[in-house]
N, C-alpha and C. Protein backbone atom coordinates (compact mmCIF):
# COMPACT_ATOMS: atom_id res chain seq x y z
N MET A 1 92.04 123.39 53.79
CA MET A 1 93.08 124.39 53.70
C MET A 1 93.45 124.92 55.09
N ASN A 2 92.45 125.21 55.93
CA ASN A 2 92.71 125.72 57.27
C ASN A 2 93.44 124.70 58.15
N LYS A 3 93.18 123.41 57.91
CA LYS A 3 93.83 122.37 58.70
C LYS A 3 95.33 122.31 58.42
N LEU A 4 95.75 122.71 57.26
CA LEU A 4 97.17 122.72 56.92
C LEU A 4 97.82 124.05 57.28
N LEU A 5 97.07 125.12 57.22
CA LEU A 5 97.62 126.44 57.45
C LEU A 5 97.96 126.68 58.92
N LEU A 6 97.09 126.25 59.81
CA LEU A 6 97.31 126.48 61.24
C LEU A 6 98.57 125.77 61.75
N PRO A 7 98.77 124.47 61.49
CA PRO A 7 100.03 123.85 61.95
C PRO A 7 101.28 124.47 61.32
N LEU A 8 101.16 124.87 60.07
CA LEU A 8 102.30 125.51 59.42
C LEU A 8 102.62 126.85 60.08
N LEU A 9 101.60 127.62 60.41
CA LEU A 9 101.79 128.90 61.08
C LEU A 9 102.41 128.70 62.46
N VAL A 10 101.93 127.73 63.21
CA VAL A 10 102.48 127.44 64.54
C VAL A 10 103.94 127.01 64.43
N MET A 11 104.25 126.18 63.45
CA MET A 11 105.62 125.72 63.26
C MET A 11 106.55 126.90 62.91
N VAL A 12 106.09 127.80 62.08
CA VAL A 12 106.90 128.96 61.71
C VAL A 12 107.15 129.85 62.93
N LEU A 13 106.12 130.04 63.75
CA LEU A 13 106.28 130.87 64.95
C LEU A 13 107.26 130.25 65.94
N PHE A 14 107.22 128.94 66.11
CA PHE A 14 108.15 128.28 67.03
C PHE A 14 109.58 128.27 66.49
N CYS A 15 109.74 128.18 65.20
CA CYS A 15 111.09 128.12 64.62
C CYS A 15 111.79 129.47 64.63
N GLN A 16 111.07 130.54 64.81
CA GLN A 16 111.69 131.86 64.83
C GLN A 16 112.59 132.02 66.04
N GLY A 17 112.28 131.37 67.14
CA GLY A 17 113.08 131.48 68.36
C GLY A 17 114.29 130.57 68.37
N CYS A 18 114.39 129.68 67.42
CA CYS A 18 115.50 128.74 67.37
C CYS A 18 116.65 129.33 66.56
N ALA A 19 117.72 129.63 67.24
CA ALA A 19 118.88 130.17 66.54
C ALA A 19 120.12 129.72 67.28
N GLN A 20 121.12 129.34 66.54
CA GLN A 20 122.38 128.95 67.15
C GLN A 20 123.30 130.16 67.16
N VAL A 21 123.90 130.39 68.32
CA VAL A 21 124.81 131.52 68.47
C VAL A 21 126.22 131.00 68.25
N LYS A 22 126.89 131.62 67.33
CA LYS A 22 128.28 131.24 67.03
C LYS A 22 129.18 131.69 68.18
N PRO A 23 130.29 131.00 68.41
CA PRO A 23 131.19 131.37 69.51
C PRO A 23 131.67 132.81 69.43
N TRP A 24 131.91 133.33 68.25
CA TRP A 24 132.41 134.70 68.13
C TRP A 24 131.29 135.73 68.29
N GLU A 25 130.01 135.29 68.32
CA GLU A 25 128.89 136.20 68.53
C GLU A 25 128.45 136.28 69.99
N ARG A 26 128.99 135.43 70.83
CA ARG A 26 128.56 135.38 72.24
C ARG A 26 128.96 136.63 73.01
N GLY A 27 129.99 137.30 72.58
CA GLY A 27 130.39 138.55 73.22
C GLY A 27 129.31 139.62 73.12
N ASN A 28 128.57 139.60 72.01
CA ASN A 28 127.48 140.56 71.85
C ASN A 28 126.37 140.32 72.86
N LEU A 29 126.11 139.06 73.19
CA LEU A 29 125.06 138.74 74.15
C LEU A 29 125.51 138.95 75.59
N ALA A 30 126.81 139.05 75.83
CA ALA A 30 127.33 139.23 77.18
C ALA A 30 127.52 140.69 77.54
N ARG A 31 127.16 141.60 76.66
CA ARG A 31 127.29 143.02 76.96
C ARG A 31 126.36 143.41 78.10
N PRO A 32 126.72 144.41 78.89
CA PRO A 32 125.90 144.82 80.03
C PRO A 32 124.49 145.27 79.63
N GLU A 33 124.34 145.88 78.46
CA GLU A 33 123.01 146.34 78.07
C GLU A 33 122.07 145.21 77.66
N MET A 34 122.60 144.00 77.55
CA MET A 34 121.77 142.84 77.23
C MET A 34 121.25 142.14 78.49
N ALA A 35 121.65 142.59 79.66
CA ALA A 35 121.23 141.97 80.92
C ALA A 35 119.79 142.36 81.24
N PHE A 36 119.13 141.52 82.02
CA PHE A 36 117.76 141.81 82.41
C PHE A 36 117.71 142.99 83.36
N SER A 37 118.69 143.09 84.24
CA SER A 37 118.75 144.25 85.14
C SER A 37 120.13 144.89 84.99
N SER A 38 120.17 146.18 85.16
CA SER A 38 121.43 146.88 84.95
C SER A 38 122.38 146.77 86.14
N ASP A 39 121.84 146.48 87.32
CA ASP A 39 122.65 146.40 88.53
C ASP A 39 122.51 145.01 89.13
N ALA A 40 123.56 144.21 89.04
CA ALA A 40 123.51 142.83 89.52
C ALA A 40 123.31 142.76 91.03
N LEU A 41 123.96 143.64 91.78
CA LEU A 41 123.82 143.64 93.23
C LEU A 41 122.39 143.99 93.64
N GLU A 42 121.81 144.97 93.00
CA GLU A 42 120.42 145.34 93.29
C GLU A 42 119.48 144.18 93.00
N GLN A 43 119.74 143.46 91.92
CA GLN A 43 118.90 142.31 91.58
C GLN A 43 119.02 141.21 92.63
N LYS A 44 120.24 140.98 93.14
CA LYS A 44 120.42 139.97 94.18
C LYS A 44 119.69 140.36 95.46
N ILE A 45 119.71 141.64 95.80
CA ILE A 45 119.01 142.11 96.99
C ILE A 45 117.50 141.93 96.80
N GLN A 46 116.99 142.30 95.64
CA GLN A 46 115.56 142.16 95.37
C GLN A 46 115.14 140.69 95.39
N ASP A 47 115.97 139.81 94.84
CA ASP A 47 115.68 138.38 94.88
C ASP A 47 115.66 137.86 96.32
N HIS A 48 116.60 138.32 97.13
CA HIS A 48 116.66 137.90 98.53
C HIS A 48 115.40 138.34 99.27
N ILE A 49 114.97 139.57 99.05
CA ILE A 49 113.75 140.07 99.70
C ILE A 49 112.53 139.29 99.23
N TYR A 50 112.45 139.05 97.94
CA TYR A 50 111.29 138.34 97.39
C TYR A 50 111.19 136.94 97.98
N HIS A 51 112.30 136.21 97.96
CA HIS A 51 112.27 134.83 98.44
C HIS A 51 112.08 134.77 99.95
N GLY A 52 112.53 135.78 100.66
CA GLY A 52 112.28 135.82 102.09
C GLY A 52 110.82 136.06 102.41
N LYS A 53 110.17 136.94 101.66
CA LYS A 53 108.75 137.22 101.88
C LYS A 53 107.87 136.08 101.43
N GLU A 54 108.26 135.42 100.38
CA GLU A 54 107.46 134.32 99.86
C GLU A 54 107.72 133.02 100.61
N ALA A 55 108.72 133.00 101.47
CA ALA A 55 109.11 131.81 102.21
C ALA A 55 109.43 130.67 101.24
N SER A 56 110.04 131.03 100.16
CA SER A 56 110.40 130.04 99.16
C SER A 56 111.92 129.97 99.04
N GLN A 57 112.36 128.97 98.36
CA GLN A 57 113.79 128.76 98.21
C GLN A 57 114.16 129.00 96.76
N ALA A 58 115.13 129.85 96.54
CA ALA A 58 115.60 130.10 95.19
C ALA A 58 116.43 128.93 94.71
N VAL A 59 116.69 128.89 93.44
CA VAL A 59 117.47 127.81 92.86
C VAL A 59 118.89 127.82 93.43
N THR A 60 119.43 129.00 93.65
CA THR A 60 120.81 129.11 94.13
C THR A 60 120.91 129.20 95.65
N ALA A 61 119.77 129.20 96.34
CA ALA A 61 119.78 129.40 97.78
C ALA A 61 119.98 128.07 98.51
N GLY A 62 120.37 128.19 99.74
CA GLY A 62 120.52 127.03 100.59
C GLY A 62 119.26 126.83 101.41
N ALA A 63 119.38 126.09 102.50
CA ALA A 63 118.24 125.81 103.34
C ALA A 63 117.85 127.05 104.14
N GLY A 64 116.61 127.10 104.55
CA GLY A 64 116.12 128.21 105.35
C GLY A 64 114.73 128.59 104.94
N GLY A 65 114.07 129.33 105.80
CA GLY A 65 112.70 129.71 105.49
C GLY A 65 112.53 131.20 105.48
N GLY A 66 111.29 131.66 105.43
CA GLY A 66 110.99 133.06 105.39
C GLY A 66 111.11 133.74 106.75
N CYS A 67 111.27 132.95 107.82
CA CYS A 67 111.31 133.54 109.16
C CYS A 67 112.67 134.09 109.51
N GLY A 68 113.69 133.82 108.71
CA GLY A 68 115.03 134.33 109.00
C GLY A 68 115.83 133.41 109.91
N CYS A 69 115.33 132.22 110.16
CA CYS A 69 116.03 131.28 111.05
C CYS A 69 116.86 130.30 110.23
N ASN A 70 117.89 130.80 109.61
CA ASN A 70 118.74 129.95 108.76
C ASN A 70 119.60 129.07 109.62
């Protein structure tokens, strides 16, 4: 019984995140209160500082390192 219950429970948990958003519902997801951060400019500044300190390259960034020698 436990061998069948565990995979079924895992499958139910994974299927909860699967949902198709209809085209007319996408406006609800694009509202400002649905964003991860309320200020886009502040988030860009924080990302720039983080990637500069970590000497890493963001997905949207170009070449350059943490030393500021772009």
